[in-house]
Amino acid sequence: MPEFDVNVDPEGAKIAVDAARRQLPIRRELGDAGPLMWSMWDLGLAELVVGNADVAIKVLTEGEELAIKSNDSDGAAWCNIFIGKAKVLYKQDLKDEGLQDMTYAGKVILKVGVDWEKKAVGQIWKVVGIGA
């Protein structure tokens, strides 16, 4: 999913969500917080791609909480930006909250992220109409 949740081939999305669902229990068993958080992010993003917004929000929220406990502000922001996007795209009653989540998370990534992450924030924001 080179553009995260945008322009994903439907067949590729099915494969991605299946793989992400299978790998998360393994990561939980291994217990290393960093890779576990990114496994949650992978699954949350894959669930978002296939339209399972509630599952995406749940898994990404768990990933965000783990990242916060691990003092990983970048990882927490990556989870939060897609929690926000799920709200914006699929939860009309939470759209404003989602835009706030995306704006805050993007600002964190712009502050602490590396160049490719900073570029990605602008692309992610553009999809929902947030100006960089």
N, C-alpha and C. Protein backbone atom coordinates (compact mmCIF):
# COMPACT_ATOMS: atom_id res chain seq x y z
N MET A 1 0.83 -1.17 0.00
CA MET A 1 0.00 0.00 0.00
C MET A 1 0.89 1.24 0.00
N PRO A 2 1.48 1.54 -1.13
CA PRO A 2 2.46 2.64 -1.20
C PRO A 2 1.89 4.02 -0.92
N GLU A 3 0.58 4.19 -1.09
CA GLU A 3 -0.05 5.48 -0.77
C GLU A 3 -0.94 5.32 0.46
N PHE A 4 -0.52 4.46 1.37
CA PHE A 4 -1.27 4.15 2.58
C PHE A 4 -2.63 3.57 2.21
N ASP A 5 -3.70 4.32 2.43
CA ASP A 5 -5.04 3.79 2.20
C ASP A 5 -5.67 4.30 0.90
N VAL A 6 -4.88 4.93 0.05
CA VAL A 6 -5.38 5.52 -1.19
C VAL A 6 -4.89 4.70 -2.38
N ASN A 7 -5.76 4.51 -3.36
CA ASN A 7 -5.42 3.80 -4.60
C ASN A 7 -4.89 2.38 -4.37
N VAL A 8 -5.50 1.69 -3.43
CA VAL A 8 -5.09 0.32 -3.15
C VAL A 8 -5.91 -0.62 -4.01
N ASP A 9 -5.24 -1.51 -4.72
CA ASP A 9 -5.91 -2.53 -5.51
C ASP A 9 -6.77 -3.39 -4.59
N PRO A 10 -8.04 -3.60 -4.90
CA PRO A 10 -8.93 -4.37 -4.03
C PRO A 10 -8.41 -5.77 -3.69
N GLU A 11 -7.81 -6.44 -4.68
CA GLU A 11 -7.26 -7.77 -4.40
C GLU A 11 -6.06 -7.66 -3.46
N GLY A 12 -5.24 -6.66 -3.67
CA GLY A 12 -4.11 -6.42 -2.78
C GLY A 12 -4.56 -6.08 -1.37
N ALA A 13 -5.66 -5.34 -1.27
CA ALA A 13 -6.20 -4.98 0.05
C ALA A 13 -6.64 -6.23 0.81
N LYS A 14 -7.25 -7.17 0.12
CA LYS A 14 -7.67 -8.42 0.77
C LYS A 14 -6.46 -9.18 1.31
N ILE A 15 -5.42 -9.23 0.52
CA ILE A 15 -4.20 -9.92 0.94
C ILE A 15 -3.57 -9.20 2.13
N ALA A 16 -3.54 -7.86 2.07
CA ALA A 16 -2.93 -7.08 3.15
C ALA A 16 -3.68 -7.25 4.46
N VAL A 17 -4.99 -7.21 4.43
CA VAL A 17 -5.75 -7.34 5.67
C VAL A 17 -5.62 -8.75 6.23
N ASP A 18 -5.61 -9.74 5.36
CA ASP A 18 -5.43 -11.12 5.83
C ASP A 18 -4.06 -11.29 6.49
N ALA A 19 -3.03 -10.78 5.85
CA ALA A 19 -1.67 -10.89 6.40
C ALA A 19 -1.56 -10.14 7.73
N ALA A 20 -2.14 -8.95 7.80
CA ALA A 20 -2.07 -8.16 9.02
C ALA A 20 -2.82 -8.84 10.17
N ARG A 21 -3.95 -9.45 9.86
CA ARG A 21 -4.71 -10.17 10.89
C ARG A 21 -3.92 -11.37 11.41
N ARG A 22 -3.18 -12.03 10.54
CA ARG A 22 -2.41 -13.22 10.94
C ARG A 22 -1.17 -12.86 11.76
N GLN A 23 -0.55 -11.73 11.44
CA GLN A 23 0.72 -11.43 12.10
C GLN A 23 0.54 -10.79 13.47
N LEU A 24 -0.57 -10.15 13.74
CA LEU A 24 -0.74 -9.48 15.03
C LEU A 24 -0.67 -10.45 16.21
N PRO A 25 -1.33 -11.60 16.18
CA PRO A 25 -1.19 -12.53 17.32
C PRO A 25 0.25 -12.98 17.56
N ILE A 26 1.00 -13.13 16.49
CA ILE A 26 2.41 -13.51 16.64
C ILE A 26 3.18 -12.39 17.34
N ARG A 27 2.96 -11.16 16.92
CA ARG A 27 3.62 -10.01 17.56
C ARG A 27 3.21 -9.88 19.02
N ARG A 28 1.94 -10.14 19.30
CA ARG A 28 1.49 -10.09 20.71
C ARG A 28 2.24 -11.12 21.54
N GLU A 29 2.41 -12.30 20.98
CA GLU A 29 3.11 -13.37 21.69
C GLU A 29 4.58 -13.00 21.93
N LEU A 30 5.22 -12.39 20.94
CA LEU A 30 6.61 -11.98 21.08
C LEU A 30 6.76 -10.84 22.08
N GLY A 31 5.78 -9.94 22.11
CA GLY A 31 5.71 -8.93 23.15
C GLY A 31 6.60 -7.71 23.04
N ASP A 32 7.36 -7.54 22.00
CA ASP A 32 8.21 -6.36 21.85
C ASP A 32 7.33 -5.17 21.47
N ALA A 33 7.29 -4.14 22.31
CA ALA A 33 6.34 -3.04 22.17
C ALA A 33 6.43 -2.33 20.82
N GLY A 34 7.63 -2.04 20.33
CA GLY A 34 7.76 -1.30 19.08
C GLY A 34 7.19 -2.05 17.89
N PRO A 35 7.67 -3.26 17.62
CA PRO A 35 7.09 -4.01 16.52
C PRO A 35 5.61 -4.34 16.71
N LEU A 36 5.19 -4.54 17.95
CA LEU A 36 3.77 -4.80 18.22
C LEU A 36 2.92 -3.59 17.83
N MET A 37 3.38 -2.40 18.20
CA MET A 37 2.63 -1.19 17.85
C MET A 37 2.52 -1.05 16.34
N TRP A 38 3.62 -1.27 15.62
CA TRP A 38 3.57 -1.15 14.16
C TRP A 38 2.72 -2.25 13.53
N SER A 39 2.64 -3.41 14.17
CA SER A 39 1.73 -4.46 13.69
C SER A 39 0.28 -4.01 13.84
N MET A 40 -0.01 -3.32 14.94
CA MET A 40 -1.35 -2.78 15.13
C MET A 40 -1.64 -1.71 14.08
N TRP A 41 -0.64 -0.89 13.80
CA TRP A 41 -0.80 0.14 12.77
C TRP A 41 -1.07 -0.51 11.41
N ASP A 42 -0.29 -1.55 11.09
CA ASP A 42 -0.50 -2.27 9.82
C ASP A 42 -1.93 -2.78 9.72
N LEU A 43 -2.39 -3.42 10.79
CA LEU A 43 -3.74 -3.98 10.77
C LEU A 43 -4.78 -2.86 10.70
N GLY A 44 -4.61 -1.82 11.48
CA GLY A 44 -5.56 -0.71 11.45
C GLY A 44 -5.66 -0.09 10.08
N LEU A 45 -4.53 0.12 9.44
CA LEU A 45 -4.53 0.69 8.10
C LEU A 45 -5.20 -0.25 7.10
N ALA A 46 -4.88 -1.53 7.19
CA ALA A 46 -5.49 -2.52 6.29
C ALA A 46 -7.00 -2.58 6.48
N GLU A 47 -7.45 -2.55 7.73
CA GLU A 47 -8.89 -2.56 7.99
C GLU A 47 -9.55 -1.30 7.44
N LEU A 48 -8.87 -0.17 7.53
CA LEU A 48 -9.40 1.06 6.96
C LEU A 48 -9.55 0.93 5.45
N VAL A 49 -8.56 0.34 4.82
CA VAL A 49 -8.58 0.18 3.36
C VAL A 49 -9.79 -0.64 2.91
N VAL A 50 -10.15 -1.66 3.67
CA VAL A 50 -11.29 -2.50 3.28
C VAL A 50 -12.61 -1.98 3.85
N GLY A 51 -12.59 -0.82 4.50
CA GLY A 51 -13.82 -0.18 4.97
C GLY A 51 -14.30 -0.58 6.35
N ASN A 52 -13.48 -1.28 7.10
CA ASN A 52 -13.84 -1.68 8.46
C ASN A 52 -13.39 -0.60 9.45
N ALA A 53 -14.07 0.54 9.41
CA ALA A 53 -13.64 1.70 10.20
C ALA A 53 -13.65 1.43 11.70
N ASP A 54 -14.67 0.76 12.21
CA ASP A 54 -14.72 0.51 13.64
C ASP A 54 -13.55 -0.34 14.12
N VAL A 55 -13.23 -1.37 13.36
CA VAL A 55 -12.09 -2.22 13.71
C VAL A 55 -10.79 -1.42 13.58
N ALA A 56 -10.68 -0.64 12.52
CA ALA A 56 -9.49 0.18 12.32
C ALA A 56 -9.27 1.12 13.50
N ILE A 57 -10.33 1.81 13.90
CA ILE A 57 -10.21 2.75 15.02
C ILE A 57 -9.81 2.02 16.30
N LYS A 58 -10.41 0.87 16.55
CA LYS A 58 -10.10 0.10 17.77
C LYS A 58 -8.64 -0.32 17.80
N VAL A 59 -8.16 -0.90 16.71
CA VAL A 59 -6.79 -1.41 16.67
C VAL A 59 -5.79 -0.24 16.68
N LEU A 60 -6.08 0.81 15.93
CA LEU A 60 -5.17 1.97 15.92
C LEU A 60 -5.13 2.66 17.27
N THR A 61 -6.25 2.70 17.98
CA THR A 61 -6.27 3.28 19.32
C THR A 61 -5.40 2.47 20.27
N GLU A 62 -5.48 1.16 20.17
CA GLU A 62 -4.63 0.30 20.99
C GLU A 62 -3.15 0.53 20.65
N GLY A 63 -2.86 0.67 19.37
CA GLY A 63 -1.49 0.96 18.95
C GLY A 63 -1.02 2.30 19.47
N GLU A 64 -1.88 3.30 19.40
CA GLU A 64 -1.53 4.63 19.89
C GLU A 64 -1.23 4.59 21.39
N GLU A 65 -2.06 3.89 22.15
CA GLU A 65 -1.84 3.77 23.59
C GLU A 65 -0.51 3.08 23.90
N LEU A 66 -0.19 2.04 23.16
CA LEU A 66 1.08 1.36 23.35
C LEU A 66 2.26 2.27 23.01
N ALA A 67 2.13 3.02 21.94
CA ALA A 67 3.19 3.96 21.56
C ALA A 67 3.39 5.03 22.62
N ILE A 68 2.30 5.54 23.17
CA ILE A 68 2.40 6.55 24.22
C ILE A 68 3.12 5.98 25.44
N LYS A 69 2.77 4.76 25.84
CA LYS A 69 3.43 4.10 26.97
C LYS A 69 4.92 3.90 26.70
N SER A 70 5.28 3.76 25.44
CA SER A 70 6.68 3.53 25.05
C SER A 70 7.39 4.84 24.70
N ASN A 71 6.76 5.98 24.96
CA ASN A 71 7.32 7.29 24.63
C ASN A 71 7.68 7.42 23.15
N ASP A 72 6.85 6.85 22.30
CA ASP A 72 7.05 6.91 20.86
C ASP A 72 6.03 7.88 20.27
N SER A 73 6.35 9.16 20.30
CA SER A 73 5.39 10.17 19.82
C SER A 73 5.14 10.04 18.32
N ASP A 74 6.15 9.64 17.56
CA ASP A 74 5.98 9.45 16.12
C ASP A 74 5.00 8.31 15.84
N GLY A 75 5.19 7.18 16.49
CA GLY A 75 4.29 6.04 16.30
C GLY A 75 2.87 6.36 16.74
N ALA A 76 2.74 7.06 17.86
CA ALA A 76 1.41 7.45 18.34
C ALA A 76 0.73 8.36 17.32
N ALA A 77 1.49 9.28 16.75
CA ALA A 77 0.93 10.20 15.76
C ALA A 77 0.50 9.46 14.49
N TRP A 78 1.29 8.47 14.06
CA TRP A 78 0.90 7.70 12.87
C TRP A 78 -0.39 6.93 13.12
N CYS A 79 -0.55 6.40 14.31
CA CYS A 79 -1.83 5.74 14.62
C CYS A 79 -2.96 6.78 14.63
N ASN A 80 -2.72 7.91 15.28
CA ASN A 80 -3.76 8.92 15.45
C ASN A 80 -4.18 9.57 14.13
N ILE A 81 -3.26 9.75 13.21
CA ILE A 81 -3.64 10.39 11.95
C ILE A 81 -4.64 9.51 11.18
N PHE A 82 -4.48 8.19 11.30
CA PHE A 82 -5.41 7.30 10.61
C PHE A 82 -6.67 7.02 11.43
N ILE A 83 -6.61 7.16 12.75
CA ILE A 83 -7.84 7.15 13.55
C ILE A 83 -8.71 8.32 13.08
N GLY A 84 -8.06 9.47 12.96
CA GLY A 84 -8.79 10.65 12.49
C GLY A 84 -9.35 10.46 11.10
N LYS A 85 -8.56 9.88 10.22
CA LYS A 85 -9.03 9.68 8.85
C LYS A 85 -10.21 8.72 8.81
N ALA A 86 -10.19 7.69 9.63
CA ALA A 86 -11.32 6.76 9.70
C ALA A 86 -12.58 7.49 10.15
N LYS A 87 -12.43 8.38 11.12
CA LYS A 87 -13.59 9.16 11.58
C LYS A 87 -14.10 10.07 10.48
N VAL A 88 -13.18 10.74 9.80
CA VAL A 88 -13.57 11.67 8.73
C VAL A 88 -14.30 10.94 7.61
N LEU A 89 -13.78 9.81 7.19
CA LEU A 89 -14.33 9.11 6.04
C LEU A 89 -15.57 8.28 6.35
N TYR A 90 -15.68 7.75 7.58
CA TYR A 90 -16.72 6.77 7.86
C TYR A 90 -17.65 7.12 9.02
N LYS A 91 -17.32 8.14 9.79
CA LYS A 91 -18.11 8.48 10.98
C LYS A 91 -18.51 9.95 10.92
N GLN A 92 -19.56 10.25 10.19
CA GLN A 92 -19.94 11.65 9.98
C GLN A 92 -20.14 12.41 11.28
N ASP A 93 -20.64 11.74 12.31
CA ASP A 93 -20.83 12.42 13.59
C ASP A 93 -19.51 12.73 14.29
N LEU A 94 -18.43 12.13 13.84
CA LEU A 94 -17.11 12.36 14.43
C LEU A 94 -16.15 13.06 13.45
N LYS A 95 -16.69 13.58 12.36
CA LYS A 95 -15.84 14.17 11.32
C LYS A 95 -14.98 15.31 11.86
N ASP A 96 -15.56 16.24 12.60
CA ASP A 96 -14.78 17.36 13.14
C ASP A 96 -13.69 16.88 14.09
N GLU A 97 -14.03 15.92 14.92
CA GLU A 97 -13.05 15.33 15.83
C GLU A 97 -11.93 14.66 15.03
N GLY A 98 -12.31 13.97 13.98
CA GLY A 98 -11.33 13.31 13.12
C GLY A 98 -10.38 14.30 12.47
N LEU A 99 -10.91 15.41 11.99
CA LEU A 99 -10.06 16.45 11.39
C LEU A 99 -9.10 17.02 12.43
N GLN A 100 -9.57 17.19 13.65
CA GLN A 100 -8.69 17.66 14.73
C GLN A 100 -7.60 16.64 15.02
N ASP A 101 -7.99 15.36 15.10
CA ASP A 101 -7.01 14.28 15.31
C ASP A 101 -5.94 14.31 14.23
N MET A 102 -6.38 14.42 12.98
CA MET A 102 -5.45 14.40 11.84
C MET A 102 -4.52 15.62 11.86
N THR A 103 -5.07 16.77 12.21
CA THR A 103 -4.26 17.99 12.25
C THR A 103 -3.20 17.89 13.34
N TYR A 104 -3.62 17.49 14.54
CA TYR A 104 -2.67 17.38 15.65
C TYR A 104 -1.60 16.33 15.34
N ALA A 105 -2.01 15.16 14.89
CA ALA A 105 -1.07 14.09 14.60
C ALA A 105 -0.10 14.50 13.51
N GLY A 106 -0.61 15.16 12.47
CA GLY A 106 0.26 15.62 11.39
C GLY A 106 1.30 16.61 11.87
N LYS A 107 0.91 17.50 12.77
CA LYS A 107 1.86 18.47 13.31
C LYS A 107 2.96 17.78 14.11
N VAL A 108 2.61 16.73 14.83
CA VAL A 108 3.62 15.97 15.57
C VAL A 108 4.59 15.32 14.59
N ILE A 109 4.06 14.70 13.55
CA ILE A 109 4.93 14.05 12.55
C ILE A 109 5.81 15.09 11.86
N LEU A 110 5.25 16.24 11.54
CA LEU A 110 6.06 17.29 10.91
C LEU A 110 7.19 17.75 11.82
N LYS A 111 6.98 17.66 13.12
CA LYS A 111 8.01 18.07 14.09
C LYS A 111 9.06 16.99 14.32
N VAL A 112 8.64 15.74 14.48
CA VAL A 112 9.58 14.69 14.88
C VAL A 112 9.93 13.70 13.78
N GLY A 113 9.19 13.72 12.68
CA GLY A 113 9.39 12.72 11.63
C GLY A 113 10.56 13.04 10.72
N VAL A 114 10.90 12.05 9.94
CA VAL A 114 11.94 12.23 8.92
C VAL A 114 11.29 12.76 7.64
N ASP A 115 12.11 13.08 6.65
CA ASP A 115 11.62 13.76 5.45
C ASP A 115 10.46 13.04 4.76
N TRP A 116 10.56 11.73 4.56
CA TRP A 116 9.49 11.04 3.84
C TRP A 116 8.18 11.11 4.63
N GLU A 117 8.27 11.09 5.97
CA GLU A 117 7.07 11.18 6.79
C GLU A 117 6.42 12.55 6.64
N LYS A 118 7.24 13.58 6.64
CA LYS A 118 6.74 14.94 6.50
C LYS A 118 6.04 15.13 5.16
N LYS A 119 6.61 14.56 4.12
CA LYS A 119 5.98 14.64 2.80
C LYS A 119 4.65 13.88 2.80
N ALA A 120 4.63 12.74 3.45
CA ALA A 120 3.42 11.91 3.49
C ALA A 120 2.28 12.63 4.20
N VAL A 121 2.59 13.40 5.24
CA VAL A 121 1.54 14.11 5.98
C VAL A 121 0.77 15.02 5.03
N GLY A 122 1.47 15.77 4.20
CA GLY A 122 0.80 16.65 3.25
C GLY A 122 -0.12 15.89 2.32
N GLN A 123 0.32 14.72 1.88
CA GLN A 123 -0.51 13.91 0.99
C GLN A 123 -1.74 13.37 1.71
N ILE A 124 -1.56 12.95 2.94
CA ILE A 124 -2.66 12.41 3.74
C ILE A 124 -3.67 13.52 4.03
N TRP A 125 -3.18 14.68 4.43
CA TRP A 125 -4.07 15.81 4.72
C TRP A 125 -4.85 16.23 3.48
N LYS A 126 -4.17 16.24 2.34
CA LYS A 126 -4.80 16.71 1.09
C LYS A 126 -6.06 15.91 0.76
N VAL A 127 -6.05 14.62 1.04
CA VAL A 127 -7.19 13.76 0.73
C VAL A 127 -8.46 14.22 1.46
N VAL A 128 -8.30 14.78 2.66
CA VAL A 128 -9.47 15.21 3.44
C VAL A 128 -9.63 16.72 3.47
N GLY A 129 -8.78 17.44 2.73
CA GLY A 129 -8.92 18.88 2.62
C GLY A 129 -8.26 19.71 3.69
N ILE A 130 -7.28 19.14 4.39
CA ILE A 130 -6.52 19.91 5.37
C ILE A 130 -5.33 20.52 4.64
N GLY A 131 -5.12 21.81 4.81
CA GLY A 131 -3.97 22.48 4.19
C GLY A 131 -2.72 22.29 5.01
N ALA A 132 -1.59 22.13 4.35
CA ALA A 132 -0.33 21.90 5.07
C ALA A 132 0.26 23.16 5.58
